[in-house]
Amino acid sequence: MIEQDEWRQWSESWQHQPVVDVQRLQRQVRNKHWRMVAMVAFEAVTSLLALVQTAGLIHHPALSLRWKIFCIAAMVLVLVFWMASFWLRRGTWRARGDNARALMQLTEHRAHAGIRLAKAGLYGLALLLVVVVVLAWPQLQPARWQHDDRLRQILLVQVAFNGPIVLATVAFNLWYIRRQRRRLSRIARFLADDG
């Protein structure tokens, strides 16, 4: 009787196991790896371009000292964010094994890293906006730009160009954080069921 109960419990337990397509999961992990490589390459190229551009601006004779300091601060911010993005991705490149549990743990680790990266991006953007507003404050005064058509045009172009980029960046990062949290919830259920 006890043997039959054990078999029945084992059978019920086995039937309640989540079905995982390991090959599909391996494909997803591999595809995510290549998307991560592409993102790191994109970050490297854009960071290097930003560094080259700001280095060129520093040597521009018409640029005031305040804006040269801004360029240096921007270069430091780019370098710090670039290094932080590598640090935040640590441990997200390979699974510890090829089984479903190891692949799900890697996916979980990547989701946590993605949330940290998105939050770092939001904090970095907020810091950049504060620095820009502090440095540009004298030009942002209405008494300054109302009587200077060239300055008004520059400010309008900056707001028209950078405003949508800032809003899109914030919206994307918030959406991405929500998406990763939902993914973490699914992974937690799987790992709890997998025991």
Protein backbone atom coordinates (compact mmCIF):
# COMPACT_ATOMS: atom_id res chain seq x y z
CA MET A 1 0.00 0.00 0.00
CA ILE A 2 2.78 2.42 0.91
CA GLU A 3 4.60 1.55 -2.31
CA GLN A 4 1.51 2.37 -4.38
CA ASP A 5 1.08 5.71 -2.56
CA GLU A 6 4.70 6.58 -3.29
CA TRP A 7 4.25 5.71 -6.97
CA ARG A 8 1.05 7.76 -7.11
CA GLN A 9 2.75 10.76 -5.44
CA TRP A 10 5.71 10.43 -7.75
CA SER A 11 3.40 10.24 -10.79
CA GLU A 12 1.43 13.32 -9.69
CA SER A 13 4.64 15.20 -8.99
CA TRP A 14 6.03 14.24 -12.39
CA GLN A 15 2.83 15.29 -14.18
CA HIS A 16 2.92 18.72 -12.51
CA GLN A 17 6.46 19.44 -13.67
CA PRO A 18 6.64 22.42 -16.03
CA VAL A 19 7.32 21.43 -19.60
CA VAL A 20 10.47 23.12 -20.85
CA ASP A 21 11.73 22.98 -24.38
CA VAL A 22 15.46 22.99 -23.60
CA GLN A 23 16.47 23.48 -27.23
CA ARG A 24 14.20 26.51 -27.51
CA LEU A 25 15.60 27.87 -24.26
CA GLN A 26 19.16 27.33 -25.55
CA ARG A 27 18.26 29.21 -28.74
CA GLN A 28 16.80 32.09 -26.73
CA VAL A 29 19.92 32.26 -24.54
CA ARG A 30 22.18 32.18 -27.60
CA ASN A 31 20.14 34.89 -29.38
CA LYS A 32 20.20 37.06 -26.26
CA HIS A 33 23.99 36.60 -26.14
CA TRP A 34 24.34 38.01 -29.65
CA ARG A 35 21.96 40.88 -28.87
CA MET A 36 24.14 41.67 -25.86
CA VAL A 37 27.27 41.60 -28.05
CA ALA A 38 25.58 43.96 -30.52
CA MET A 39 24.54 46.30 -27.68
CA VAL A 40 28.06 46.37 -26.23
CA ALA A 41 29.46 47.13 -29.70
CA PHE A 42 26.87 49.89 -30.17
CA GLU A 43 27.71 51.36 -26.75
CA ALA A 44 31.43 51.21 -27.58
CA VAL A 45 31.01 52.98 -30.92
CA THR A 46 28.68 55.68 -29.57
CA SER A 47 30.87 56.23 -26.52
CA LEU A 48 33.98 56.58 -28.66
CA LEU A 49 32.16 58.99 -30.98
CA ALA A 50 31.01 61.05 -27.99
CA LEU A 51 34.56 61.12 -26.61
CA VAL A 52 36.00 62.19 -29.97
CA GLN A 53 33.34 64.86 -30.42
CA THR A 54 33.80 66.33 -26.94
CA ALA A 55 37.61 66.19 -27.28
CA GLY A 56 37.24 68.19 -30.51
CA LEU A 57 35.00 70.71 -28.78
CA ILE A 58 37.51 71.17 -25.95
CA HIS A 59 40.09 72.31 -28.50
CA HIS A 60 37.68 74.66 -30.27
CA PRO A 61 38.91 78.23 -29.67
CA ALA A 62 35.43 79.83 -29.66
CA LEU A 63 34.11 77.61 -26.86
CA SER A 64 34.00 79.30 -23.44
CA LEU A 65 35.68 77.79 -20.39
CA ARG A 66 32.30 76.84 -18.86
CA TRP A 67 31.43 74.71 -21.92
CA LYS A 68 34.92 73.18 -22.02
CA ILE A 69 34.35 72.11 -18.41
CA PHE A 70 30.99 70.70 -19.49
CA CYS A 71 32.74 68.71 -22.25
CA ILE A 72 35.20 67.28 -19.75
CA ALA A 73 32.36 66.39 -17.36
CA ALA A 74 30.48 64.76 -20.25
CA MET A 75 33.58 62.74 -21.16
CA VAL A 76 33.93 61.56 -17.56
CA LEU A 77 30.22 60.67 -17.45
CA VAL A 78 30.50 58.68 -20.70
CA LEU A 79 33.54 56.78 -19.41
CA VAL A 80 31.93 56.07 -16.04
CA PHE A 81 28.71 54.85 -17.64
CA TRP A 82 30.63 52.73 -20.15
CA MET A 83 32.66 51.05 -17.39
CA ALA A 84 29.53 50.61 -15.26
CA SER A 85 27.70 48.92 -18.12
CA PHE A 86 30.48 46.33 -18.36
CA TRP A 87 30.47 45.84 -14.60
CA LEU A 88 26.67 45.50 -14.47
CA ARG A 89 26.80 42.77 -17.13
CA ARG A 90 29.22 40.59 -15.20
CA GLY A 91 28.18 36.96 -15.04
CA THR A 92 25.59 37.32 -17.79
CA TRP A 93 27.50 35.89 -20.72
CA ARG A 94 27.38 32.11 -20.12
CA ALA A 95 25.22 29.58 -18.33
CA ARG A 96 26.80 27.24 -15.80
CA GLY A 97 25.38 24.29 -17.68
CA ASP A 98 23.17 23.24 -20.56
CA ASN A 99 20.19 22.06 -18.55
CA ALA A 100 16.94 23.99 -18.18
CA ARG A 101 17.69 25.12 -14.62
CA ALA A 102 21.12 26.60 -15.53
CA LEU A 103 19.65 28.34 -18.58
CA MET A 104 16.78 29.77 -16.53
CA GLN A 105 19.23 30.96 -13.86
CA LEU A 106 21.26 32.71 -16.57
CA THR A 107 18.08 34.29 -17.91
CA GLU A 108 17.22 35.39 -14.37
CA HIS A 109 20.69 36.88 -13.88
CA ARG A 110 20.40 38.70 -17.22
CA ALA A 111 17.01 40.13 -16.24
CA HIS A 112 18.44 41.47 -12.97
CA ALA A 113 21.40 42.94 -14.88
CA GLY A 114 19.01 44.48 -17.42
CA ILE A 115 17.07 46.17 -14.64
CA ARG A 116 20.30 47.50 -13.11
CA LEU A 117 21.43 48.78 -16.53
CA ALA A 118 18.10 50.49 -17.22
CA LYS A 119 18.11 52.14 -13.80
CA ALA A 120 21.72 53.26 -14.30
CA GLY A 121 20.70 54.71 -17.66
CA LEU A 122 17.86 56.66 -16.05
CA TYR A 123 20.12 57.96 -13.26
CA GLY A 124 22.83 58.87 -15.76
CA LEU A 125 20.33 60.71 -17.92
CA ALA A 126 18.99 62.61 -14.89
CA LEU A 127 22.53 63.55 -13.88
CA LEU A 128 23.33 64.71 -17.41
CA LEU A 129 20.17 66.84 -17.53
CA VAL A 130 21.01 68.46 -14.18
CA VAL A 131 24.57 69.24 -15.31
CA VAL A 132 23.33 70.67 -18.63
CA VAL A 133 20.71 72.87 -16.93
CA VAL A 134 23.20 74.12 -14.32
CA LEU A 135 25.79 75.00 -16.97
CA ALA A 136 23.26 76.46 -19.40
CA TRP A 137 21.29 78.36 -16.76
CA PRO A 138 22.53 81.82 -17.79
CA GLN A 139 21.48 81.21 -21.41
CA LEU A 140 18.14 79.77 -20.32
CA GLN A 141 17.05 83.01 -18.68
CA PRO A 142 14.27 84.65 -20.74
CA ALA A 143 16.03 88.01 -20.64
CA ARG A 144 18.95 86.38 -22.44
CA TRP A 145 17.23 84.41 -25.23
CA GLN A 146 14.28 86.72 -25.88
CA HIS A 147 16.58 89.31 -27.42
CA ASP A 148 19.03 86.95 -29.10
CA ASP A 149 17.54 85.27 -32.18
CA ARG A 150 20.55 82.99 -32.68
CA LEU A 151 20.47 81.74 -29.07
CA ARG A 152 16.70 81.23 -29.23
CA GLN A 153 17.11 79.19 -32.42
CA ILE A 154 19.87 77.07 -30.85
CA LEU A 155 17.76 76.42 -27.75
CA LEU A 156 14.70 75.50 -29.82
CA VAL A 157 16.73 73.10 -31.96
CA GLN A 158 18.23 71.50 -28.85
CA VAL A 159 14.85 71.07 -27.20
CA ALA A 160 13.20 69.85 -30.43
CA PHE A 161 15.99 67.35 -31.11
CA ASN A 162 16.91 66.20 -27.60
CA GLY A 163 13.46 66.38 -25.98
CA PRO A 164 12.00 63.41 -27.89
CA ILE A 165 15.23 61.45 -27.38
CA VAL A 166 15.09 62.01 -23.62
CA LEU A 167 11.39 61.12 -23.44
CA ALA A 168 11.87 58.01 -25.58
CA THR A 169 14.84 56.93 -23.46
CA VAL A 170 12.86 57.30 -20.24
CA ALA A 171 9.81 55.51 -21.69
CA PHE A 172 11.94 52.67 -23.08
CA ASN A 173 13.83 52.15 -19.82
CA LEU A 174 10.62 52.12 -17.76
CA TRP A 175 9.01 49.66 -20.20
CA TYR A 176 12.15 47.49 -20.15
CA ILE A 177 12.23 47.39 -16.34
CA ARG A 178 8.57 46.29 -16.24
CA ARG A 179 9.26 43.64 -18.88
CA GLN A 180 12.23 42.26 -16.95
CA ARG A 181 10.24 42.17 -13.71
CA ARG A 182 7.52 40.12 -15.42
CA ARG A 183 10.22 37.81 -16.77
CA LEU A 184 11.67 37.43 -13.27
CA SER A 185 8.22 36.51 -11.96
CA ARG A 186 7.88 33.74 -14.56
CA ILE A 187 11.39 32.48 -13.85
CA ALA A 188 10.76 32.44 -10.09
CA ARG A 189 7.64 30.32 -10.62
CA PHE A 190 9.60 27.91 -12.84
CA LEU A 191 12.51 27.63 -10.42
CA ALA A 192 10.12 27.14 -7.46
CA ASP A 193 8.27 24.39 -9.35
CA ASP A 194 11.56 22.81 -10.45
CA GLY A 195 12.67 22.71 -6.82
